[in-house]
Amino acid sequence: MDTLDRDLLAELEQGLPVTREPFAEIGGRLGIPESAVLDRLQRLKRDGVIRRFRARIDQRKAGIAENALVAWRVPGERSFEAGTRLARCPGVTHCYERRPVPGRWDYTHYTVHHAGSRREIMAEVEQCAKMAGLDEYTVVFSTEELKRVPAVRVRENGGDLQ
């Protein structure tokens, strides 16, 4: 990895410019053509420096003001069927099963919901409860956003990715 690779990664940390040709714009900032930006990104991905390349939206700007985790108490014999129904609920972005801690935390299934208001989330959860035939659950709303930046920030550690 050379200095230009580090500069490219630092540019990407800022997010892609909202233009028809974002890689050409980044290349312009770095003084290289779009094709060189794309070649470098492919090499960095192939070499494992970049694990994945994905979009991350700003939830607030998209109208998502509330997030909630719902813990569901599901009888063991209904695990697969209830889990399948929960996963199919409109608005569920994540659905998974975990082992309970008997007598301390008897919830086994979890769903994640995002909406414009707590009222919308509660209506969605009630609909999921009906669809899955479940009536024992607890809703935990997010109170603070803790992670919105990549784990490695090139500019914060002087460009040393080792």
Protein backbone atom coordinates (compact mmCIF):
# COMPACT_ATOMS: atom_id res chain seq x y z
CA MET A 1 0.00 0.00 0.00
CA ASP A 2 1.36 3.38 -0.94
CA THR A 3 0.57 6.98 0.01
CA LEU A 4 -1.98 7.30 -2.80
CA ASP A 5 -3.84 4.23 -1.49
CA ARG A 6 -3.98 5.82 1.96
CA ASP A 7 -5.24 9.09 0.47
CA LEU A 8 -7.88 7.16 -1.46
CA LEU A 9 -9.07 5.40 1.69
CA ALA A 10 -9.19 8.73 3.52
CA GLU A 11 -11.38 10.14 0.72
CA LEU A 12 -13.72 7.15 0.95
CA GLU A 13 -14.07 7.65 4.71
CA GLN A 14 -15.83 10.92 3.92
CA GLY A 15 -18.41 9.04 1.88
CA LEU A 16 -19.01 9.00 -1.84
CA PRO A 17 -19.90 12.33 -3.42
CA VAL A 18 -23.50 12.43 -4.60
CA THR A 19 -22.78 12.82 -8.31
CA ARG A 20 -23.21 10.76 -11.46
CA GLU A 21 -19.52 9.83 -11.39
CA PRO A 22 -18.33 9.74 -7.77
CA PHE A 23 -15.12 7.84 -8.52
CA ALA A 24 -14.17 10.34 -11.21
CA GLU A 25 -14.67 13.15 -8.68
CA ILE A 26 -12.52 11.36 -6.10
CA GLY A 27 -9.91 10.75 -8.79
CA GLY A 28 -9.97 14.46 -9.62
CA ARG A 29 -9.24 15.31 -5.98
CA LEU A 30 -6.35 12.86 -5.99
CA GLY A 31 -5.05 13.82 -9.43
CA ILE A 32 -5.69 10.42 -11.03
CA PRO A 33 -8.27 9.18 -13.54
CA GLU A 34 -11.44 7.35 -12.53
CA SER A 35 -10.04 4.09 -13.97
CA ALA A 36 -7.04 4.31 -11.62
CA VAL A 37 -9.38 4.83 -8.63
CA LEU A 38 -11.37 1.74 -9.60
CA ASP A 39 -8.23 -0.33 -10.25
CA ARG A 40 -6.82 0.61 -6.85
CA LEU A 41 -10.09 -0.21 -5.10
CA GLN A 42 -10.24 -3.62 -6.78
CA ARG A 43 -6.65 -4.33 -5.73
CA LEU A 44 -7.25 -3.19 -2.15
CA LYS A 45 -10.33 -5.43 -1.99
CA ARG A 46 -8.44 -8.39 -3.49
CA ASP A 47 -5.56 -7.85 -1.02
CA GLY A 48 -7.96 -7.78 1.94
CA VAL A 49 -7.33 -4.14 2.88
CA ILE A 50 -10.98 -3.39 2.09
CA ARG A 51 -13.35 -6.10 3.29
CA ARG A 52 -16.51 -4.68 1.78
CA PHE A 53 -17.87 -1.65 0.09
CA ARG A 54 -21.41 -0.66 1.01
CA ALA A 55 -23.80 2.20 1.41
CA ARG A 56 -24.68 3.52 4.83
CA ILE A 57 -27.61 5.88 5.05
CA ASP A 58 -28.11 8.64 7.56
CA GLN A 59 -31.22 7.30 9.29
CA ARG A 60 -32.28 10.68 10.61
CA LYS A 61 -32.22 12.27 7.16
CA ALA A 62 -34.26 9.33 5.84
CA GLY A 63 -36.93 9.96 8.48
CA ILE A 64 -35.97 7.12 10.84
CA ALA A 65 -36.01 8.67 14.29
CA GLU A 66 -36.56 5.56 16.43
CA ASN A 67 -34.98 2.11 16.66
CA ALA A 68 -36.00 -0.79 18.86
CA LEU A 69 -34.93 -4.28 19.74
CA VAL A 70 -37.81 -6.59 20.62
CA ALA A 71 -37.12 -9.68 22.73
CA TRP A 72 -39.74 -12.42 22.28
CA ARG A 73 -40.49 -15.31 24.64
CA VAL A 74 -41.14 -18.26 22.35
CA PRO A 75 -41.95 -21.79 23.55
CA GLY A 76 -39.27 -24.22 22.34
CA GLU A 77 -41.66 -26.31 20.27
CA ARG A 78 -42.69 -23.16 18.35
CA SER A 79 -39.18 -21.84 17.76
CA PHE A 80 -38.86 -22.42 14.02
CA GLU A 81 -42.45 -21.55 13.12
CA ALA A 82 -42.54 -18.38 15.25
CA GLY A 83 -39.08 -17.32 14.09
CA THR A 84 -40.13 -17.72 10.46
CA ARG A 85 -43.26 -15.62 11.05
CA LEU A 86 -41.32 -12.91 12.88
CA ALA A 87 -38.75 -12.73 10.08
CA ARG A 88 -41.57 -12.17 7.57
CA CYS A 89 -43.06 -9.22 9.45
CA PRO A 90 -42.99 -5.97 7.51
CA GLY A 91 -40.41 -3.62 8.96
CA VAL A 92 -38.23 -6.26 10.62
CA THR A 93 -34.63 -5.63 9.56
CA HIS A 94 -32.98 -8.32 11.67
CA CYS A 95 -34.42 -11.48 13.22
CA TYR A 96 -32.43 -14.01 15.19
CA GLU A 97 -32.58 -16.63 17.94
CA ARG A 98 -30.38 -16.92 21.04
CA ARG A 99 -30.28 -19.31 23.97
CA PRO A 100 -32.17 -18.07 27.03
CA VAL A 101 -30.74 -17.75 30.53
CA PRO A 102 -33.34 -19.80 32.43
CA GLY A 103 -34.91 -17.90 35.28
CA ARG A 104 -33.06 -14.68 34.41
CA TRP A 105 -33.79 -13.95 30.76
CA ASP A 106 -36.25 -16.30 29.11
CA TYR A 107 -36.42 -14.53 25.77
CA THR A 108 -35.18 -16.50 22.79
CA HIS A 109 -36.04 -14.54 19.64
CA TYR A 110 -35.12 -10.98 18.72
CA THR A 111 -36.28 -8.56 16.06
CA VAL A 112 -34.99 -5.11 15.17
CA HIS A 113 -37.33 -2.34 14.02
CA HIS A 114 -36.79 1.20 12.67
CA ALA A 115 -39.47 3.85 12.15
CA GLY A 116 -40.30 7.52 12.37
CA SER A 117 -41.81 7.26 15.84
CA ARG A 118 -42.16 4.96 18.83
CA ARG A 119 -45.88 4.76 18.11
CA GLU A 120 -45.14 3.38 14.63
CA ILE A 121 -42.77 0.80 16.07
CA MET A 122 -45.29 -0.29 18.71
CA ALA A 123 -47.99 -0.71 16.04
CA GLU A 124 -45.56 -2.77 13.98
CA VAL A 125 -44.62 -4.93 16.99
CA GLU A 126 -48.28 -5.55 17.81
CA GLN A 127 -48.85 -6.65 14.21
CA CYS A 128 -45.86 -9.01 14.44
CA ALA A 129 -47.17 -10.43 17.72
CA LYS A 130 -50.49 -11.25 16.02
CA MET A 131 -48.80 -12.72 12.92
CA ALA A 132 -46.56 -14.94 15.05
CA GLY A 133 -49.18 -15.76 17.68
CA LEU A 134 -47.00 -14.44 20.50
CA ASP A 135 -47.98 -12.30 23.46
CA GLU A 136 -44.86 -12.27 25.64
CA TYR A 137 -42.28 -9.74 24.53
CA THR A 138 -40.41 -6.66 25.66
CA VAL A 139 -39.49 -3.65 23.56
CA VAL A 140 -36.19 -1.84 24.18
CA PHE A 141 -35.80 1.49 22.39
CA SER A 142 -32.41 2.92 21.46
CA THR A 143 -31.49 6.00 23.47
CA GLU A 144 -28.12 6.81 21.93
CA GLU A 145 -26.28 6.09 18.70
CA LEU A 146 -22.86 4.71 19.48
CA LYS A 147 -21.27 3.69 16.17
CA ARG A 148 -21.40 5.54 12.86
CA VAL A 149 -17.79 5.50 11.71
CA PRO A 150 -15.53 2.76 10.33
CA ALA A 151 -13.41 0.91 12.89
CA VAL A 152 -10.23 2.16 11.20
CA ARG A 153 -9.89 5.82 10.31
CA VAL A 154 -6.85 6.48 8.11
CA ARG A 155 -6.45 10.15 9.10
CA GLU A 156 -6.87 9.44 12.84
CA ASN A 157 -3.98 7.02 13.05
CA GLY A 158 -1.59 8.83 10.71
CA GLY A 159 -2.31 6.50 7.81
CA ASP A 160 -0.72 3.50 9.55
CA LEU A 161 -3.00 0.54 8.84
CA GLN A 162 -0.59 -2.05 10.19
